């Protein structure tokens, strides 16, 4: 998840540069240029959101593969068969979160919202969402830390 921090740093730098330019054009009364820069910031917000979410998506899929490896090595009977089934039939993204963090319904709902918004941007080409990237980054980092503190490591499997 270090990449998310680097992406956040790049976003902050870029937003600062756009803000400086907006201030400069506003002081000159160039409202059209200010509005143009506002649109560029909105595009950046959506693009950085997708980039951050892609990193989180990769993190979740990696942790889910680790969980399957552990469970297929340690579970017995029908539980083991269920994990083997999951290994060959990848569940949807939110279901992976539910299996990684089974006792966290508020997190499941938050990920469902974030995933829905990501799909709106990527598949519907919608650039109309109000994106608070700092909050999204904080939420994704928190979820990742929670997974890493609750999920056994692959070395724990016998």
Foldseek 3Di string as FASTA:
>chain_A
DVVLVVLVVVLVVVVVVLVVVLVVCVVVVNVVVNVVSVVVNLVSLLVSLLVNVVVLQVLLVVLLVLLLLQQCLPPDDPSNVVSVVCVVPPDDPLVSLCVLPVPCVVLSVVVVVSVVVNCCCVPVVDSPDDGPPVVVSVSSVVSSVVSVVPRDGSVPRD
